[in-house]
Amino acid sequence: MVVLPDGDMIEMRWKSVSYIYGEKKIVFTIVPMMNRPDYIMVPNTEQWIKYLAIEKRNEIIVILEKVNWKRDIQVVELEIPPHITDKKEDIVTPGALESTEAGRKMEQDFLFDPASPLNKEQVKEIYCMLEKRFAENAVGEVKISKGNIIAGSVMAEISIPALEKNAQVNLEVY
């Protein structure tokens, strides 16, 4: 976790990054990519000003891009509302890697932070290995929207192929 001079914090995880201020946090989705920077999905200006002050948006984007994360990132602006929650709320998709004990442990180690003892390649390798193992060991019905599968993403290149090979999974891409 990165603590800013004003006390605000940024918590970088595998599939999200949170900007924590006061008792609130703004959560941005990350799409881990294989051979290019990971995408951080940020609300465009029009969506942002419906909910929050525009100055905070610009500040957050600059900070996200300036921190020396242990991953390459690319901010992608979309027509989506900001996801604002209580700072104690943990947003994890049920059935995702982050909902497992191993996923939670990895995220508690803050491996993407500048102070992490690992380099960018090592961190990405660990998470990609976990994604593959998770998909290989999944059991049951797995439903994934085509809109969530982005060409060149870890999901498209690692998770989906491993799920397709897993005989214990009934994969439905809709």
C-alpha atoms as a PDB file:
ATOM      1  CA  MET A   1       0.000   0.000   0.000  1.00  0.00           C
ATOM      2  CA  VAL A   2       1.304   3.446  -0.884  1.00  0.00           C
ATOM      3  CA  VAL A   3       0.589   6.205   1.650  1.00  0.00           C
ATOM      4  CA  LEU A   4       0.500   9.712   0.171  1.00  0.00           C
ATOM      5  CA  PRO A   5       1.682  12.857   2.025  1.00  0.00           C
ATOM      6  CA  ASP A   6      -1.926  13.910   2.727  1.00  0.00           C
ATOM      7  CA  GLY A   7      -2.728  10.525   4.302  1.00  0.00           C
ATOM      8  CA  ASP A   8      -4.671   9.171   1.328  1.00  0.00           C
ATOM      9  CA  MET A   9      -3.613   5.679   0.219  1.00  0.00           C
ATOM     10  CA  ILE A  10      -3.449   3.610  -2.937  1.00  0.00           C
ATOM     11  CA  GLU A  11      -3.780  -0.149  -2.728  1.00  0.00           C
ATOM     12  CA  MET A  12      -2.758  -2.046  -5.850  1.00  0.00           C
ATOM     13  CA  ARG A  13      -4.107  -5.568  -6.283  1.00  0.00           C
ATOM     14  CA  TRP A  14      -4.061  -8.056  -9.174  1.00  0.00           C
ATOM     15  CA  LYS A  15      -7.397  -7.010 -10.694  1.00  0.00           C
ATOM     16  CA  SER A  16      -8.119  -3.710  -8.967  1.00  0.00           C
ATOM     17  CA  VAL A  17      -6.559  -0.598  -7.536  1.00  0.00           C
ATOM     18  CA  SER A  18      -8.203   1.435  -4.773  1.00  0.00           C
ATOM     19  CA  TYR A  19      -7.718   5.086  -3.932  1.00  0.00           C
ATOM     20  CA  ILE A  20      -8.556   5.382  -0.220  1.00  0.00           C
ATOM     21  CA  TYR A  21      -9.468   8.761   1.241  1.00  0.00           C
ATOM     22  CA  GLY A  22     -11.114   9.352   4.607  1.00  0.00           C
ATOM     23  CA  GLU A  23     -13.701   6.629   5.143  1.00  0.00           C
ATOM     24  CA  LYS A  24     -14.236   6.024   1.397  1.00  0.00           C
ATOM     25  CA  LYS A  25     -12.425   4.418  -1.463  1.00  0.00           C
ATOM     26  CA  ILE A  26     -12.708   4.522  -5.221  1.00  0.00           C
ATOM     27  CA  VAL A  27     -12.070   1.141  -6.828  1.00  0.00           C
ATOM     28  CA  PHE A  28     -10.835   0.837 -10.409  1.00  0.00           C
ATOM     29  CA  THR A  29     -10.847  -2.462 -12.303  1.00  0.00           C
ATOM     30  CA  ILE A  30      -7.569  -3.714 -13.744  1.00  0.00           C
ATOM     31  CA  VAL A  31      -7.375  -6.039 -16.730  1.00  0.00           C
ATOM     32  CA  PRO A  32      -4.051  -7.907 -16.445  1.00  0.00           C
ATOM     33  CA  MET A  33      -2.481  -8.170 -19.890  1.00  0.00           C
ATOM     34  CA  MET A  34       0.186 -10.554 -21.141  1.00  0.00           C
ATOM     35  CA  ASN A  35       2.606  -8.616 -23.355  1.00  0.00           C
ATOM     36  CA  ARG A  36       1.587  -5.025 -22.830  1.00  0.00           C
ATOM     37  CA  PRO A  37       0.714  -2.774 -19.884  1.00  0.00           C
ATOM     38  CA  ASP A  38      -2.203  -3.790 -17.691  1.00  0.00           C
ATOM     39  CA  TYR A  39      -5.333  -1.701 -18.258  1.00  0.00           C
ATOM     40  CA  ILE A  40      -6.728   0.396 -15.416  1.00  0.00           C
ATOM     41  CA  MET A  41     -10.335   1.261 -16.233  1.00  0.00           C
ATOM     42  CA  VAL A  42     -11.115   4.843 -15.180  1.00  0.00           C
ATOM     43  CA  PRO A  43     -14.398   6.723 -15.628  1.00  0.00           C
ATOM     44  CA  ASN A  44     -14.236   9.405 -18.317  1.00  0.00           C
ATOM     45  CA  THR A  45     -14.634  13.044 -17.321  1.00  0.00           C
ATOM     46  CA  GLU A  46     -18.383  13.145 -17.958  1.00  0.00           C
ATOM     47  CA  GLN A  47     -19.071  10.126 -15.769  1.00  0.00           C
ATOM     48  CA  TRP A  48     -16.705  11.315 -13.053  1.00  0.00           C
ATOM     49  CA  ILE A  49     -18.245  14.766 -12.568  1.00  0.00           C
ATOM     50  CA  LYS A  50     -21.666  13.211 -11.985  1.00  0.00           C
ATOM     51  CA  TYR A  51     -20.328  11.726  -8.739  1.00  0.00           C
ATOM     52  CA  LEU A  52     -17.063  13.385  -7.650  1.00  0.00           C
ATOM     53  CA  ALA A  53     -15.000  16.555  -8.004  1.00  0.00           C
ATOM     54  CA  ILE A  54     -12.990  16.572 -11.210  1.00  0.00           C
ATOM     55  CA  GLU A  55      -9.830  17.749  -9.390  1.00  0.00           C
ATOM     56  CA  LYS A  56      -9.669  14.453  -7.490  1.00  0.00           C
ATOM     57  CA  ARG A  57      -9.897  12.499 -10.759  1.00  0.00           C
ATOM     58  CA  ASN A  58      -6.954  14.295 -12.322  1.00  0.00           C
ATOM     59  CA  GLU A  59      -4.910  13.914  -9.140  1.00  0.00           C
ATOM     60  CA  ILE A  60      -5.617  10.184  -8.931  1.00  0.00           C
ATOM     61  CA  ILE A  61      -4.672   9.550 -12.567  1.00  0.00           C
ATOM     62  CA  VAL A  62      -1.403  11.458 -12.194  1.00  0.00           C
ATOM     63  CA  ILE A  63      -0.530   9.553  -9.021  1.00  0.00           C
ATOM     64  CA  LEU A  64      -1.398   6.180 -10.568  1.00  0.00           C
ATOM     65  CA  GLU A  65       0.866   6.930 -13.523  1.00  0.00           C
ATOM     66  CA  LYS A  66       3.747   8.355 -11.435  1.00  0.00           C
ATOM     67  CA  VAL A  67       4.092   5.630  -8.797  1.00  0.00           C
ATOM     68  CA  ASN A  68       6.796   3.125  -9.686  1.00  0.00           C
ATOM     69  CA  TRP A  69       4.517   0.081  -9.478  1.00  0.00           C
ATOM     70  CA  LYS A  70       5.880  -3.429  -9.965  1.00  0.00           C
ATOM     71  CA  ARG A  71       3.772  -3.635 -13.111  1.00  0.00           C
ATOM     72  CA  ASP A  72       3.321  -1.608 -16.254  1.00  0.00           C
ATOM     73  CA  ILE A  73      -0.035   0.143 -16.443  1.00  0.00           C
ATOM     74  CA  GLN A  74      -2.103   2.036 -18.966  1.00  0.00           C
ATOM     75  CA  VAL A  75      -5.023   4.194 -17.849  1.00  0.00           C
ATOM     76  CA  VAL A  76      -8.034   3.570 -20.109  1.00  0.00           C
ATOM     77  CA  GLU A  77     -10.937   6.018 -19.892  1.00  0.00           C
ATOM     78  CA  LEU A  78     -14.402   4.527 -20.310  1.00  0.00           C
ATOM     79  CA  GLU A  79     -17.986   5.652 -19.985  1.00  0.00           C
ATOM     80  CA  ILE A  80     -18.444   3.964 -16.608  1.00  0.00           C
ATOM     81  CA  PRO A  81     -19.388   5.466 -13.237  1.00  0.00           C
ATOM     82  CA  PRO A  82     -16.790   5.534 -10.465  1.00  0.00           C
ATOM     83  CA  HIS A  83     -17.116   2.651  -8.022  1.00  0.00           C
ATOM     84  CA  ILE A  84     -17.177   4.288  -4.588  1.00  0.00           C
ATOM     85  CA  THR A  85     -17.388   2.157  -1.436  1.00  0.00           C
ATOM     86  CA  ASP A  86     -16.726   2.264   2.282  1.00  0.00           C
ATOM     87  CA  LYS A  87     -12.982   1.899   2.833  1.00  0.00           C
ATOM     88  CA  LYS A  88     -13.517  -1.320   4.814  1.00  0.00           C
ATOM     89  CA  GLU A  89     -15.529  -3.008   2.058  1.00  0.00           C
ATOM     90  CA  ASP A  90     -13.514  -5.616   0.215  1.00  0.00           C
ATOM     91  CA  ILE A  91     -14.618  -6.058  -3.376  1.00  0.00           C
ATOM     92  CA  VAL A  92     -13.803  -9.556  -4.562  1.00  0.00           C
ATOM     93  CA  THR A  93     -15.665 -11.475  -7.232  1.00  0.00           C
ATOM     94  CA  PRO A  94     -16.896 -14.768  -5.786  1.00  0.00           C
ATOM     95  CA  GLY A  95     -15.166 -17.671  -7.500  1.00  0.00           C
ATOM     96  CA  ALA A  96     -12.213 -15.549  -8.681  1.00  0.00           C
ATOM     97  CA  LEU A  97      -8.575 -16.158  -7.762  1.00  0.00           C
ATOM     98  CA  GLU A  98      -8.761 -13.289  -5.273  1.00  0.00           C
ATOM     99  CA  SER A  99     -11.485 -15.117  -3.347  1.00  0.00           C
ATOM    100  CA  THR A 100      -9.131 -18.010  -2.554  1.00  0.00           C
ATOM    101  CA  GLU A 101      -6.769 -18.254   0.383  1.00  0.00           C
ATOM    102  CA  ALA A 102      -3.729 -18.123  -1.915  1.00  0.00           C
ATOM    103  CA  GLY A 103      -5.089 -15.102  -3.783  1.00  0.00           C
ATOM    104  CA  ARG A 104      -5.824 -13.221  -0.552  1.00  0.00           C
ATOM    105  CA  LYS A 105      -2.358 -14.042   0.786  1.00  0.00           C
ATOM    106  CA  MET A 106      -0.667 -12.750  -2.358  1.00  0.00           C
ATOM    107  CA  GLU A 107      -2.647  -9.512  -2.246  1.00  0.00           C
ATOM    108  CA  GLN A 108      -1.762  -8.964   1.424  1.00  0.00           C
ATOM    109  CA  ASP A 109       1.907  -9.048   0.442  1.00  0.00           C
ATOM    110  CA  PHE A 110       1.444  -5.916  -1.728  1.00  0.00           C
ATOM    111  CA  LEU A 111       3.753  -7.303  -4.409  1.00  0.00           C
ATOM    112  CA  PHE A 112       2.917  -4.470  -6.836  1.00  0.00           C
ATOM    113  CA  ASP A 113       4.137  -1.761  -4.442  1.00  0.00           C
ATOM    114  CA  PRO A 114       7.419   0.036  -5.157  1.00  0.00           C
ATOM    115  CA  ALA A 115       8.889  -1.471  -1.951  1.00  0.00           C
ATOM    116  CA  SER A 116       8.200  -5.062  -3.075  1.00  0.00           C
ATOM    117  CA  PRO A 117      11.393  -7.172  -3.113  1.00  0.00           C
ATOM    118  CA  LEU A 118      10.359  -8.666  -6.469  1.00  0.00           C
ATOM    119  CA  ASN A 119      10.681  -7.126  -9.910  1.00  0.00           C
ATOM    120  CA  LYS A 120       7.804  -6.611 -12.371  1.00  0.00           C
ATOM    121  CA  GLU A 121       8.488  -9.816 -14.258  1.00  0.00           C
ATOM    122  CA  GLN A 122       8.585 -11.935 -11.098  1.00  0.00           C
ATOM    123  CA  VAL A 123       5.318 -10.511  -9.797  1.00  0.00           C
ATOM    124  CA  LYS A 124       3.549 -11.070 -13.110  1.00  0.00           C
ATOM    125  CA  GLU A 125       4.940 -14.611 -13.342  1.00  0.00           C
ATOM    126  CA  ILE A 126       3.615 -15.454  -9.864  1.00  0.00           C
ATOM    127  CA  TYR A 127       0.130 -14.157 -10.604  1.00  0.00           C
ATOM    128  CA  CYS A 128      -0.031 -15.796 -14.034  1.00  0.00           C
ATOM    129  CA  MET A 129       1.041 -19.100 -12.479  1.00  0.00           C
ATOM    130  CA  LEU A 130      -1.697 -18.723  -9.827  1.00  0.00           C
ATOM    131  CA  GLU A 131      -4.313 -17.934 -12.504  1.00  0.00           C
ATOM    132  CA  LYS A 132      -3.327 -21.033 -14.467  1.00  0.00           C
ATOM    133  CA  ARG A 133      -3.383 -23.300 -11.399  1.00  0.00           C
ATOM    134  CA  PHE A 134      -6.705 -21.835 -10.332  1.00  0.00           C
ATOM    135  CA  ALA A 135      -8.259 -22.588 -13.744  1.00  0.00           C
ATOM    136  CA  GLU A 136      -6.691 -26.060 -13.877  1.00  0.00           C
ATOM    137  CA  ASN A 137      -8.168 -26.924 -10.457  1.00  0.00           C
ATOM    138  CA  ALA A 138     -11.601 -25.390 -10.942  1.00  0.00           C
ATOM    139  CA  VAL A 139     -14.621 -27.667 -10.679  1.00  0.00           C
ATOM    140  CA  GLY A 140     -18.154 -27.137 -11.925  1.00  0.00           C
ATOM    141  CA  GLU A 141     -19.878 -24.580 -14.093  1.00  0.00           C
ATOM    142  CA  VAL A 142     -17.945 -21.479 -15.136  1.00  0.00           C
ATOM    143  CA  LYS A 143     -19.758 -18.681 -16.961  1.00  0.00           C
ATOM    144  CA  ILE A 144     -17.796 -15.859 -18.560  1.00  0.00           C
ATOM    145  CA  SER A 145     -19.179 -13.031 -20.666  1.00  0.00           C
ATOM    146  CA  LYS A 146     -17.480 -12.569 -24.050  1.00  0.00           C
ATOM    147  CA  GLY A 147     -17.243  -8.870 -23.180  1.00  0.00           C
ATOM    148  CA  ASN A 148     -14.923  -9.733 -20.299  1.00  0.00           C
ATOM    149  CA  ILE A 149     -12.468 -11.570 -22.528  1.00  0.00           C
ATOM    150  CA  ILE A 150     -10.050  -9.027 -23.961  1.00  0.00           C
ATOM    151  CA  ALA A 151      -7.568 -10.117 -26.615  1.00  0.00           C
ATOM    152  CA  GLY A 152      -4.074 -10.324 -25.159  1.00  0.00           C
ATOM    153  CA  SER A 153      -5.308 -10.435 -21.564  1.00  0.00           C
ATOM    154  CA  VAL A 154      -4.237 -12.986 -18.968  1.00  0.00           C
ATOM    155  CA  MET A 155      -7.804 -14.261 -19.019  1.00  0.00           C
ATOM    156  CA  ALA A 156      -7.735 -14.812 -22.794  1.00  0.00           C
ATOM    157  CA  GLU A 157      -4.209 -16.232 -22.933  1.00  0.00           C
ATOM    158  CA  ILE A 158      -3.989 -18.279 -19.718  1.00  0.00           C
ATOM    159  CA  SER A 159      -7.294 -18.703 -17.887  1.00  0.00           C
ATOM    160  CA  ILE A 160      -9.621 -19.568 -20.792  1.00  0.00           C
ATOM    161  CA  PRO A 161      -7.265 -22.146 -22.380  1.00  0.00           C
ATOM    162  CA  ALA A 162      -6.705 -23.806 -18.975  1.00  0.00           C
ATOM    163  CA  LEU A 163     -10.451 -23.873 -18.287  1.00  0.00           C
ATOM    164  CA  GLU A 164     -11.114 -25.377 -21.746  1.00  0.00           C
ATOM    165  CA  LYS A 165      -8.626 -28.195 -21.009  1.00  0.00           C
ATOM    166  CA  ASN A 166     -10.048 -28.848 -17.551  1.00  0.00           C
ATOM    167  CA  ALA A 167     -12.356 -31.887 -17.779  1.00  0.00           C
ATOM    168  CA  GLN A 168     -13.996 -30.975 -14.459  1.00  0.00           C
ATOM    169  CA  VAL A 169     -15.251 -27.642 -15.777  1.00  0.00           C
ATOM    170  CA  ASN A 170     -18.300 -26.877 -17.864  1.00  0.00           C
ATOM    171  CA  LEU A 171     -17.212 -23.584 -19.461  1.00  0.00           C
ATOM    172  CA  GLU A 172     -19.914 -21.338 -20.872  1.00  0.00           C
ATOM    173  CA  VAL A 173     -18.791 -18.236 -22.753  1.00  0.00           C
ATOM    174  CA  TYR A 174     -21.896 -16.172 -23.482  1.00  0.00           C
END
